[in-house]
PDB file of all heavy atoms in Angstrom:
ATOM      1  N   ALA A   1      -1.936  15.243  -1.002  1.00  0.00           N
ATOM      2  CA  ALA A   1      -3.238  15.549  -0.425  1.00  0.00           C
ATOM      3  C   ALA A   1      -4.326  14.767  -1.194  1.00  0.00           C
ATOM      4  O   ALA A   1      -5.274  14.313  -0.545  1.00  0.00           O
ATOM      5  CB  ALA A   1      -3.511  16.926  -0.362  1.00  0.00           C
ATOM      6  N   ILE A   2      -4.124  14.546  -2.441  1.00  0.00           N
ATOM      7  CA  ILE A   2      -5.060  13.713  -3.171  1.00  0.00           C
ATOM      8  C   ILE A   2      -4.808  12.160  -3.075  1.00  0.00           C
ATOM      9  O   ILE A   2      -5.695  11.280  -2.945  1.00  0.00           O
ATOM     10  CB  ILE A   2      -5.027  14.221  -4.690  1.00  0.00           C
ATOM     11  CG1 ILE A   2      -5.346  15.722  -4.846  1.00  0.00           C
ATOM     12  CG2 ILE A   2      -6.036  13.363  -5.516  1.00  0.00           C
ATOM     13  CD1 ILE A   2      -5.229  16.204  -6.150  1.00  0.00           C
ATOM     14  N   PHE A   3      -3.489  11.835  -3.092  1.00  0.00           N
ATOM     15  CA  PHE A   3      -3.104  10.534  -3.177  1.00  0.00           C
ATOM     16  C   PHE A   3      -3.480   9.849  -1.860  1.00  0.00           C
ATOM     17  O   PHE A   3      -3.769   8.576  -1.961  1.00  0.00           O
ATOM     18  CB  PHE A   3      -1.562  10.511  -3.361  1.00  0.00           C
ATOM     19  CG  PHE A   3      -1.016   8.971  -3.437  1.00  0.00           C
ATOM     20  CD1 PHE A   3      -1.085   8.334  -4.579  1.00  0.00           C
ATOM     21  CD2 PHE A   3      -0.477   8.345  -2.370  1.00  0.00           C
ATOM     22  CE1 PHE A   3      -0.587   7.003  -4.701  1.00  0.00           C
ATOM     23  CE2 PHE A   3       0.055   7.116  -2.410  1.00  0.00           C
ATOM     24  CZ  PHE A   3      -0.018   6.389  -3.617  1.00  0.00           C
ATOM     25  N   VAL A   4      -3.431  10.433  -0.782  1.00  0.00           N
ATOM     26  CA  VAL A   4      -3.755   9.830   0.425  1.00  0.00           C
ATOM     27  C   VAL A   4      -5.104   9.188   0.563  1.00  0.00           C
ATOM     28  O   VAL A   4      -5.287   8.304   1.459  1.00  0.00           O
ATOM     29  CB  VAL A   4      -3.390  10.710   1.637  1.00  0.00           C
ATOM     30  CG1 VAL A   4      -4.670  11.694   1.807  1.00  0.00           C
ATOM     31  CG2 VAL A   4      -3.247   9.982   3.140  1.00  0.00           C
ATOM     32  N   TRP A   5      -6.050   9.605  -0.213  1.00  0.00           N
ATOM     33  CA  TRP A   5      -7.322   9.141  -0.247  1.00  0.00           C
ATOM     34  C   TRP A   5      -7.484   7.843  -0.914  1.00  0.00           C
ATOM     35  O   TRP A   5      -8.531   7.166  -0.936  1.00  0.00           O
ATOM     36  CB  TRP A   5      -8.332  10.118  -1.016  1.00  0.00           C
ATOM     37  CG  TRP A   5      -8.569  11.417  -0.193  1.00  0.00           C
ATOM     38  CD1 TRP A   5      -7.913  12.568  -0.244  1.00  0.00           C
ATOM     39  CD2 TRP A   5      -9.547  11.483   0.874  1.00  0.00           C
ATOM     40  NE1 TRP A   5      -8.415  13.456   0.725  1.00  0.00           N
ATOM     41  CE2 TRP A   5      -9.384  12.871   1.401  1.00  0.00           C
ATOM     42  CE3 TRP A   5     -10.442  10.617   1.528  1.00  0.00           C
ATOM     43  CZ2 TRP A   5     -10.168  13.274   2.502  1.00  0.00           C
ATOM     44  CZ3 TRP A   5     -11.175  11.047   2.593  1.00  0.00           C
ATOM     45  CH2 TRP A   5     -11.084  12.446   3.128  1.00  0.00           C
ATOM     46  N   LEU A   6      -6.368   7.240  -1.470  1.00  0.00           N
ATOM     47  CA  LEU A   6      -6.462   5.840  -1.953  1.00  0.00           C
ATOM     48  C   LEU A   6      -6.434   4.873  -0.719  1.00  0.00           C
ATOM     49  O   LEU A   6      -6.641   3.760  -1.020  1.00  0.00           O
ATOM     50  CB  LEU A   6      -5.128   5.688  -2.795  1.00  0.00           C
ATOM     51  CG  LEU A   6      -5.165   6.365  -4.092  1.00  0.00           C
ATOM     52  CD1 LEU A   6      -3.836   6.100  -4.838  1.00  0.00           C
ATOM     53  CD2 LEU A   6      -6.244   6.060  -4.999  1.00  0.00           C
ATOM     54  N   ALA A   7      -6.026   5.306   0.377  1.00  0.00           N
ATOM     55  CA  ALA A   7      -6.106   4.358   1.606  1.00  0.00           C
ATOM     56  C   ALA A   7      -7.567   4.141   1.854  1.00  0.00           C
ATOM     57  O   ALA A   7      -8.466   5.004   1.652  1.00  0.00           O
ATOM     58  CB  ALA A   7      -5.520   5.042   2.799  1.00  0.00           C
ATOM     59  N   ARG A   8      -7.850   2.894   2.435  1.00  0.00           N
ATOM     60  CA  ARG A   8      -9.242   2.536   2.801  1.00  0.00           C
ATOM     61  C   ARG A   8      -9.682   3.194   4.116  1.00  0.00           C
ATOM     62  O   ARG A   8      -8.819   3.382   4.982  1.00  0.00           O
ATOM     63  CB  ARG A   8      -9.334   1.115   3.052  1.00  0.00           C
ATOM     64  CG  ARG A   8      -9.133   0.237   1.738  1.00  0.00           C
ATOM     65  CD  ARG A   8      -9.473  -1.259   2.009  1.00  0.00           C
ATOM     66  NE  ARG A   8      -9.425  -2.062   0.828  1.00  0.00           N
ATOM     67  CZ  ARG A   8      -8.344  -2.675   0.322  1.00  0.00           C
ATOM     68  NH1 ARG A   8      -7.273  -2.630   1.078  1.00  0.00           N
ATOM     69  NH2 ARG A   8      -8.409  -3.436  -0.711  1.00  0.00           N
ATOM     70  N   GLY A   9     -10.844   3.730   4.127  1.00  0.00           N
ATOM     71  CA  GLY A   9     -11.414   4.325   5.294  1.00  0.00           C
ATOM     72  C   GLY A   9     -11.746   3.190   6.403  1.00  0.00           C
ATOM     73  O   GLY A   9     -11.896   1.992   6.033  1.00  0.00           O
ATOM     74  N   VAL A  10     -11.868   3.548   7.614  1.00  0.00           N
ATOM     75  CA  VAL A  10     -12.165   2.605   8.587  1.00  0.00           C
ATOM     76  C   VAL A  10     -13.542   3.039   9.231  1.00  0.00           C
ATOM     77  O   VAL A  10     -13.776   4.214   9.459  1.00  0.00           O
ATOM     78  CB  VAL A  10     -11.115   2.536   9.773  1.00  0.00           C
ATOM     79  CG1 VAL A  10     -11.413   1.632  10.890  1.00  0.00           C
ATOM     80  CG2 VAL A  10      -9.767   2.172   9.183  1.00  0.00           C
ATOM     81  N   PRO A  11     -14.513   2.081   9.327  1.00  0.00           N
ATOM     82  CA  PRO A  11     -15.720   2.358   9.851  1.00  0.00           C
ATOM     83  C   PRO A  11     -15.564   3.057  11.297  1.00  0.00           C
ATOM     84  O   PRO A  11     -14.777   2.628  12.111  1.00  0.00           O
ATOM     85  CB  PRO A  11     -16.550   1.097   9.945  1.00  0.00           C
ATOM     86  CG  PRO A  11     -15.788   0.167   8.958  1.00  0.00           C
ATOM     87  CD  PRO A  11     -14.337   0.672   8.953  1.00  0.00           C
ATOM     88  N   ARG A  12     -16.446   3.982  11.621  1.00  0.00           N
ATOM     89  CA  ARG A  12     -16.313   4.563  12.845  1.00  0.00           C
ATOM     90  C   ARG A  12     -16.791   3.617  13.934  1.00  0.00           C
ATOM     91  O   ARG A  12     -17.652   2.893  13.841  1.00  0.00           O
ATOM     92  CB  ARG A  12     -17.255   5.833  12.931  1.00  0.00           C
ATOM     93  CG  ARG A  12     -16.780   7.043  12.115  1.00  0.00           C
ATOM     94  CD  ARG A  12     -17.611   8.219  12.391  1.00  0.00           C
ATOM     95  NE  ARG A  12     -17.060   9.431  11.586  1.00  0.00           N
ATOM     96  CZ  ARG A  12     -16.181  10.245  12.080  1.00  0.00           C
ATOM     97  NH1 ARG A  12     -15.581   9.948  13.303  1.00  0.00           N
ATOM     98  NH2 ARG A  12     -15.708  11.100  11.398  1.00  0.00           N
ATOM     99  N   LYS A  13     -15.989   3.539  14.938  1.00  0.00           N
ATOM    100  CA  LYS A  13     -16.312   2.745  16.157  1.00  0.00           C
ATOM    101  C   LYS A  13     -15.706   3.337  17.302  1.00  0.00           C
ATOM    102  O   LYS A  13     -14.779   4.117  17.312  1.00  0.00           O
ATOM    103  CB  LYS A  13     -15.716   1.260  15.895  1.00  0.00           C
ATOM    104  CG  LYS A  13     -14.294   1.219  15.762  1.00  0.00           C
ATOM    105  CD  LYS A  13     -13.812  -0.176  15.482  1.00  0.00           C
ATOM    106  CE  LYS A  13     -12.247  -0.257  15.393  1.00  0.00           C
ATOM    107  NZ  LYS A  13     -11.778  -1.692  15.163  1.00  0.00           N
ATOM    108  N   LYS A  14     -16.143   2.819  18.435  1.00  0.00           N
ATOM    109  CA  LYS A  14     -15.631   3.324  19.783  1.00  0.00           C
ATOM    110  C   LYS A  14     -14.183   2.940  19.907  1.00  0.00           C
ATOM    111  O   LYS A  14     -13.796   1.766  19.749  1.00  0.00           O
ATOM    112  CB  LYS A  14     -16.412   2.729  20.930  1.00  0.00           C
ATOM    113  CG  LYS A  14     -15.993   3.390  22.254  1.00  0.00           C
ATOM    114  CD  LYS A  14     -16.881   2.826  23.335  1.00  0.00           C
ATOM    115  CE  LYS A  14     -16.632   3.366  24.815  1.00  0.00           C
ATOM    116  NZ  LYS A  14     -17.321   2.866  25.805  1.00  0.00           N
ATOM    117  N   PRO A  15     -13.284   3.879  20.087  1.00  0.00           N
ATOM    118  CA  PRO A  15     -11.855   3.506  20.219  1.00  0.00           C
ATOM    119  C   PRO A  15     -11.551   2.575  21.418  1.00  0.00           C
ATOM    120  O   PRO A  15     -12.214   2.578  22.417  1.00  0.00           O
ATOM    121  CB  PRO A  15     -11.135   4.976  20.496  1.00  0.00           C
ATOM    122  CG  PRO A  15     -12.201   5.743  21.017  1.00  0.00           C
ATOM    123  CD  PRO A  15     -13.577   5.295  20.432  1.00  0.00           C
ATOM    124  N   GLU A  16     -10.571   1.834  21.266  1.00  0.00           N
ATOM    125  CA  GLU A  16     -10.205   0.800  22.246  1.00  0.00           C
ATOM    126  C   GLU A  16      -9.694   1.604  23.478  1.00  0.00           C
ATOM    127  O   GLU A  16      -8.889   2.468  23.400  1.00  0.00           O
ATOM    128  CB  GLU A  16      -9.107  -0.036  21.789  1.00  0.00           C
ATOM    129  CG  GLU A  16      -9.528  -0.909  20.511  1.00  0.00           C
ATOM    130  CD  GLU A  16      -8.431  -1.827  20.119  1.00  0.00           C
ATOM    131  OE1 GLU A  16      -7.355  -1.828  20.742  1.00  0.00           O
ATOM    132  OE2 GLU A  16      -8.430  -2.507  19.074  1.00  0.00           O
ATOM    133  N   PRO A  17     -10.221   1.213  24.752  1.00  0.00           N
ATOM    134  CA  PRO A  17      -9.793   2.002  25.828  1.00  0.00           C
ATOM    135  C   PRO A  17      -8.275   1.633  26.178  1.00  0.00           C
ATOM    136  O   PRO A  17      -7.632   2.523  26.783  1.00  0.00           O
ATOM    137  CB  PRO A  17     -10.590   1.485  26.957  1.00  0.00           C
ATOM    138  CG  PRO A  17     -11.102   0.068  26.480  1.00  0.00           C
ATOM    139  CD  PRO A  17     -11.168   0.184  24.998  1.00  0.00           C
ATOM    140  N   LYS A  18      -7.792   0.531  25.925  1.00  0.00           N
ATOM    141  CA  LYS A  18      -6.396   0.187  26.110  1.00  0.00           C
ATOM    142  C   LYS A  18      -5.724  -0.297  24.862  1.00  0.00           C
ATOM    143  O   LYS A  18      -5.785  -1.576  24.679  1.00  0.00           O
ATOM    144  CB  LYS A  18      -6.348  -0.906  27.149  1.00  0.00           C
ATOM    145  CG  LYS A  18      -6.763  -0.403  28.563  1.00  0.00           C
ATOM    146  CD  LYS A  18      -6.636  -1.466  29.559  1.00  0.00           C
ATOM    147  CE  LYS A  18      -7.055  -0.951  30.971  1.00  0.00           C
ATOM    148  NZ  LYS A  18      -6.986  -2.111  31.987  1.00  0.00           N
ATOM    149  N   PRO A  19      -5.183   0.518  24.050  1.00  0.00           N
ATOM    150  CA  PRO A  19      -4.422   0.023  22.856  1.00  0.00           C
ATOM    151  C   PRO A  19      -3.328  -0.919  23.202  1.00  0.00           C
ATOM    152  O   PRO A  19      -2.802  -0.808  24.362  1.00  0.00           O
ATOM    153  CB  PRO A  19      -3.774   1.275  22.301  1.00  0.00           C
ATOM    154  CG  PRO A  19      -4.617   2.425  22.869  1.00  0.00           C
ATOM    155  CD  PRO A  19      -5.087   1.932  24.244  1.00  0.00           C
ATOM    156  N   SER A  20      -3.071  -1.902  22.408  1.00  0.00           N
ATOM    157  CA  SER A  20      -2.019  -2.935  22.717  1.00  0.00           C
ATOM    158  C   SER A  20      -0.669  -2.356  22.727  1.00  0.00           C
ATOM    159  O   SER A  20      -0.471  -1.293  22.254  1.00  0.00           O
ATOM    160  CB  SER A  20      -2.101  -4.080  21.642  1.00  0.00           C
ATOM    161  OG  SER A  20      -1.665  -3.630  20.377  1.00  0.00           O
ATOM    162  N   PHE A  21       0.258  -3.064  23.508  1.00  0.00           N
ATOM    163  CA  PHE A  21       1.564  -2.591  23.593  1.00  0.00           C
ATOM    164  C   PHE A  21       2.190  -2.577  22.162  1.00  0.00           C
ATOM    165  O   PHE A  21       2.944  -1.588  21.795  1.00  0.00           O
ATOM    166  CB  PHE A  21       2.387  -3.570  24.405  1.00  0.00           C
ATOM    167  CG  PHE A  21       3.893  -3.296  24.485  1.00  0.00           C
ATOM    168  CD1 PHE A  21       4.400  -2.334  25.316  1.00  0.00           C
ATOM    169  CD2 PHE A  21       4.825  -3.994  23.639  1.00  0.00           C
ATOM    170  CE1 PHE A  21       5.719  -2.148  25.344  1.00  0.00           C
ATOM    171  CE2 PHE A  21       6.118  -3.666  23.704  1.00  0.00           C
ATOM    172  CZ  PHE A  21       6.550  -2.734  24.549  1.00  0.00           C
ATOM    173  N   GLU A  22       1.971  -3.454  21.331  1.00  0.00           N
ATOM    174  CA  GLU A  22       2.458  -3.625  19.995  1.00  0.00           C
ATOM    175  C   GLU A  22       2.057  -2.488  19.123  1.00  0.00           C
ATOM    176  O   GLU A  22       2.844  -1.792  18.406  1.00  0.00           O
ATOM    177  CB  GLU A  22       2.160  -4.912  19.373  1.00  0.00           C
ATOM    178  CG  GLU A  22       2.866  -6.201  19.876  1.00  0.00           C
ATOM    179  CD  GLU A  22       2.228  -6.670  21.210  1.00  0.00           C
ATOM    180  OE1 GLU A  22       1.132  -6.142  21.482  1.00  0.00           O
ATOM    181  OE2 GLU A  22       2.835  -7.499  21.855  1.00  0.00           O
ATOM    182  N   LEU A  23       0.756  -2.090  19.214  1.00  0.00           N
ATOM    183  CA  LEU A  23       0.193  -0.915  18.537  1.00  0.00           C
ATOM    184  C   LEU A  23       0.895   0.320  18.968  1.00  0.00           C
ATOM    185  O   LEU A  23       1.346   1.127  18.117  1.00  0.00           O
ATOM    186  CB  LEU A  23      -1.235  -0.850  18.676  1.00  0.00           C
ATOM    187  CG  LEU A  23      -1.968   0.338  17.939  1.00  0.00           C
ATOM    188  CD1 LEU A  23      -1.762   0.273  16.502  1.00  0.00           C
ATOM    189  CD2 LEU A  23      -3.535   0.354  18.314  1.00  0.00           C
ATOM    190  N   LEU A  24       1.053   0.566  20.234  1.00  0.00           N
ATOM    191  CA  LEU A  24       1.629   1.802  20.796  1.00  0.00           C
ATOM    192  C   LEU A  24       3.060   1.849  20.366  1.00  0.00           C
ATOM    193  O   LEU A  24       3.681   2.970  19.910  1.00  0.00           O
ATOM    194  CB  LEU A  24       1.480   1.920  22.260  1.00  0.00           C
ATOM    195  CG  LEU A  24       0.130   2.243  22.754  1.00  0.00           C
ATOM    196  CD1 LEU A  24      -0.034   2.158  24.242  1.00  0.00           C
ATOM    197  CD2 LEU A  24      -0.475   3.569  22.222  1.00  0.00           C
ATOM    198  N   ARG A  25       3.809   0.770  20.408  1.00  0.00           N
ATOM    199  CA  ARG A  25       5.256   0.736  20.098  1.00  0.00           C
ATOM    200  C   ARG A  25       5.336   1.114  18.573  1.00  0.00           C
ATOM    201  O   ARG A  25       6.263   1.791  18.168  1.00  0.00           O
ATOM    202  CB  ARG A  25       5.786  -0.663  20.417  1.00  0.00           C
ATOM    203  CG  ARG A  25       7.307  -0.866  19.860  1.00  0.00           C
ATOM    204  CD  ARG A  25       8.185  -0.130  20.871  1.00  0.00           C
ATOM    205  NE  ARG A  25       9.604  -0.172  20.175  1.00  0.00           N
ATOM    206  CZ  ARG A  25      10.409  -1.119  20.220  1.00  0.00           C
ATOM    207  NH1 ARG A  25       9.974  -2.293  20.815  1.00  0.00           N
ATOM    208  NH2 ARG A  25      11.595  -1.006  19.729  1.00  0.00           N
ATOM    209  N   ALA A  26       4.436   0.444  17.767  1.00  0.00           N
ATOM    210  CA  ALA A  26       4.486   0.671  16.309  1.00  0.00           C
ATOM    211  C   ALA A  26       4.294   2.164  15.963  1.00  0.00           C
ATOM    212  O   ALA A  26       5.033   2.771  15.151  1.00  0.00           O
ATOM    213  CB  ALA A  26       3.542  -0.191  15.538  1.00  0.00           C
TER     214      ALA A  26
END
């Protein structure tokens, strides 16, 4: 629970309306 905060945060933005096929498959 502490270690996961080492990941970089992502700036808030409007989510993509259509995620790519590669992203969904991954």
